[in-house]
Protein backbone atom coordinates (compact mmCIF):
# COMPACT_ATOMS: atom_id res chain seq x y z
CA UNK A 1 187.33 134.68 104.65
CA UNK A 2 184.37 134.53 102.39
CA UNK A 3 181.03 135.56 104.01
CA UNK A 4 179.51 132.45 102.96
CA UNK A 5 182.03 130.51 105.15
CA UNK A 6 182.04 132.98 108.21
CA UNK A 7 180.20 132.08 111.04
CA UNK A 8 176.55 132.84 111.47
CA UNK A 9 175.88 134.82 114.84
CA UNK A 10 172.46 133.88 115.84
CA UNK A 11 171.07 136.62 118.58
CA UNK A 12 167.09 136.24 118.02
CA UNK A 13 164.78 133.98 119.00
CA UNK A 14 161.59 134.14 117.07
CA UNK A 15 157.94 133.82 118.34
CA UNK A 16 155.88 131.10 116.60
CA UNK A 17 154.92 132.29 112.94
CA UNK A 18 157.45 135.22 113.15
CA UNK A 19 159.47 133.53 110.61
CA UNK A 20 157.29 134.40 107.77
CA UNK A 21 158.11 132.76 104.30
CA UNK A 22 161.34 130.97 104.70
CA UNK A 23 163.69 130.43 102.04
CA UNK A 24 166.61 128.65 102.49
CA UNK A 25 167.26 127.61 106.27
CA UNK A 26 169.85 125.64 108.31
CA UNK A 27 168.75 122.84 110.94
CA UNK A 28 170.63 122.59 114.08
CA UNK A 29 170.29 119.14 115.86
CA UNK A 30 170.81 119.82 119.50
CA UNK A 31 170.41 117.27 122.62
CA UNK A 32 168.69 118.22 125.19
CA UNK A 33 171.30 119.20 127.68
CA UNK A 34 172.86 121.14 124.66
CA UNK A 35 169.27 123.10 124.30
CA UNK A 36 169.90 124.68 127.72
CA UNK A 37 173.06 126.40 126.57
CA UNK A 38 172.12 129.56 124.72
CA UNK A 39 175.82 130.64 124.10
CA UNK A 40 178.61 128.99 122.27
CA UNK A 41 179.76 127.24 119.16
CA UNK A 42 177.59 124.83 117.34
CA UNK A 43 177.54 123.24 114.08
CA UNK A 44 174.35 123.21 111.75
CA UNK A 45 173.44 119.72 110.18
CA UNK A 46 174.98 120.61 106.85
CA UNK A 47 178.38 121.56 108.82
CA UNK A 48 178.22 125.44 108.79
CA UNK A 49 179.59 127.08 111.91
CA UNK A 50 177.20 128.63 114.08
CA UNK A 51 177.56 130.91 117.35
CA UNK A 52 174.51 131.44 119.78
CA UNK A 53 174.24 134.78 121.39
CA UNK A 54 171.01 134.46 122.69
CA UNK A 55 169.51 136.34 125.44
CA UNK A 56 168.96 134.65 128.78
CA UNK A 57 165.90 132.54 129.06
CA UNK A 58 164.36 129.16 128.86
CA UNK A 59 165.87 126.42 127.06
CA UNK A 60 165.40 126.21 123.29
CA UNK A 61 162.67 124.02 122.00
CA UNK A 62 162.18 121.51 118.56
CA UNK A 63 160.59 123.58 116.18
CA UNK A 64 162.01 127.22 117.57
CA UNK A 65 163.64 129.34 114.99
CA UNK A 66 166.78 131.69 115.31
CA UNK A 67 167.96 134.58 113.19
CA UNK A 68 170.81 136.76 112.77
CA UNK A 69 170.82 140.38 113.79
CA UNK A 70 169.78 141.32 110.24
CA UNK A 71 167.14 138.73 110.02
CA UNK A 72 168.18 137.57 106.82
CA UNK A 73 169.32 133.98 107.92
CA UNK A 74 167.20 131.80 109.74
CA UNK A 75 168.02 128.32 111.61
CA UNK A 76 165.64 125.83 112.76
CA UNK A 77 166.22 124.08 116.09
CA UNK A 78 165.49 120.17 116.06
CA UNK A 79 166.08 117.53 119.09
CA UNK A 80 169.22 115.27 118.20
CA UNK A 81 168.87 111.63 118.66
CA UNK A 82 170.30 110.44 121.75
CA UNK A 83 170.79 107.09 123.64
CA UNK A 84 167.85 106.57 125.79
CA UNK A 85 166.06 103.94 127.85
CA UNK A 86 162.49 103.09 126.79
CA UNK A 87 160.89 102.05 130.51
CA UNK A 88 157.51 100.34 130.30
CA UNK A 89 155.32 98.30 132.65
CA UNK A 90 152.05 96.80 132.27
CA UNK A 91 151.23 98.03 135.92
CA UNK A 92 150.42 101.90 135.86
CA UNK A 93 151.41 102.01 139.41
CA UNK A 94 154.74 100.66 138.88
CA UNK A 95 155.38 103.12 136.13
CA UNK A 96 154.09 105.96 138.37
CA UNK A 97 156.31 104.59 141.31
CA UNK A 98 159.52 104.73 138.98
CA UNK A 99 158.72 108.29 137.94
CA UNK A 100 158.50 109.19 141.35
CA UNK A 101 161.99 107.63 142.32
CA UNK A 102 163.57 109.00 139.34
CA UNK A 103 162.12 112.52 140.22
CA UNK A 104 163.48 112.61 143.60
CA UNK A 105 166.92 111.91 141.80
CA UNK A 106 166.32 114.94 139.72
CA UNK A 107 166.59 112.66 136.49
CA UNK A 108 165.23 114.36 133.16
CA UNK A 109 162.13 112.28 131.91
CA UNK A 110 160.13 112.47 128.81
CA UNK A 111 156.77 111.25 129.69
CA UNK A 112 154.24 109.35 127.48
CA UNK A 113 151.22 106.92 128.13
CA UNK A 114 152.38 103.78 129.48
CA UNK A 115 156.44 104.74 129.18
CA UNK A 116 159.00 106.73 130.15
CA UNK A 117 162.17 107.87 128.43
CA UNK A 118 165.16 108.82 130.25
CA UNK A 119 168.98 109.32 129.23
CA UNK A 120 170.68 106.05 128.94
CA UNK A 121 172.34 105.06 132.36
CA UNK A 122 173.74 101.58 133.40
CA UNK A 123 172.78 102.09 137.03
CA UNK A 124 169.32 103.30 136.34
CA UNK A 125 168.62 100.70 133.97
CA UNK A 126 169.64 97.95 136.79
CA UNK A 127 167.48 99.89 139.20
CA UNK A 128 164.39 99.84 137.10
CA UNK A 129 164.74 96.47 135.89
CA UNK A 130 165.17 95.36 139.93
CA UNK A 131 161.69 97.04 140.07
CA UNK A 132 160.08 94.57 137.72
CA UNK A 133 160.08 97.21 134.74
CA UNK A 134 160.90 96.49 131.10
CA UNK A 135 164.00 98.79 130.14
CA UNK A 136 164.93 98.77 126.34
CA UNK A 137 167.74 100.86 124.81
CA UNK A 138 166.30 103.34 122.17
CA UNK A 139 168.31 105.87 120.10
CA UNK A 140 165.68 108.94 119.31
CA UNK A 141 165.42 112.59 120.13
CA UNK A 142 164.79 113.60 123.88
CA UNK A 143 162.32 116.26 125.03
CA UNK A 144 162.16 115.71 128.75
CA UNK A 145 159.73 117.51 130.70
CA UNK A 146 160.45 121.14 131.56
CA UNK A 147 160.02 120.68 135.21
CA UNK A 148 158.61 123.30 138.14
CA UNK A 149 160.98 125.66 136.98
CA UNK A 150 160.58 125.83 133.49
CA UNK A 151 160.72 129.57 132.06
CA UNK A 152 161.76 130.69 135.58
CA UNK A 153 165.53 130.32 134.97
CA UNK A 154 167.81 128.21 132.78
CA UNK A 155 170.67 125.78 133.58
CA UNK A 156 173.79 125.81 131.25
CA UNK A 157 174.49 122.00 132.26
CA UNK A 158 173.58 119.36 134.85
CA UNK A 159 172.20 119.75 138.21
CA UNK A 160 174.38 122.20 139.66
CA UNK A 161 171.83 124.25 141.34
CA UNK A 162 170.57 124.59 144.88
CA UNK A 163 167.27 125.74 146.06
CA UNK A 164 166.11 127.08 149.47
CA UNK A 165 162.82 125.39 150.52
CA UNK A 166 160.95 125.97 153.70
CA UNK A 167 159.90 122.84 155.05
CA UNK A 168 158.22 124.25 158.77
CA UNK A 169 154.69 124.45 157.50
CA UNK A 170 154.80 120.83 155.99
CA UNK A 171 155.89 119.30 159.22
CA UNK A 172 153.21 120.57 161.40
CA UNK A 173 155.61 123.52 163.12
CA UNK A 174 154.28 126.86 162.52
CA UNK A 175 156.48 129.37 160.59
CA UNK A 176 158.75 131.73 162.63
CA UNK A 177 159.58 134.65 160.55
CA UNK A 178 161.73 136.46 163.40
CA UNK A 179 164.80 134.03 163.81
CA UNK A 180 165.44 135.81 167.06
CA UNK A 181 161.90 135.19 168.63
CA UNK A 182 160.86 131.61 170.12
CA UNK A 183 163.97 129.41 171.07
CA UNK A 184 165.32 131.22 173.78
CA UNK A 185 162.06 132.68 175.26
CA UNK A 186 160.73 131.04 178.33
């Protein structure tokens, strides 16, 4: 197989400005979910086979540069257009309440003044319309908020994670660090 047709293996994430004077580059269009996976086969915008073998870390960001081990080939990450719902309301409180309820469902959201953007979902669209919000379909790049755990850990897909939360303090009970103390004592 010719070198020009071989897969490019991308192993480095470049810091802002580290790409220098860039000659020919490739564009890698990825959905928001695809940007969370740092390993595996991908295809550039022009059809070139790419293999991601990046170190663990935060999700890829649009505008980020990736390179081969030798640094001779660069690839720019871009947000691919996705089927979205554009959610609006003339009432800022209604929009804030919608964001609260969507957040409780762990729905990824892109936030803008006066609007929310979420991935297309007919059930959520109906729910939002029932709350009196304007919902319309939109095809656009999706760049959701990173969330509370941004940079702390990454997910390869979906929401198949769990976090242990201590709730004793928020309900008026004092924390009990010793599980053998308290309940059985007179």
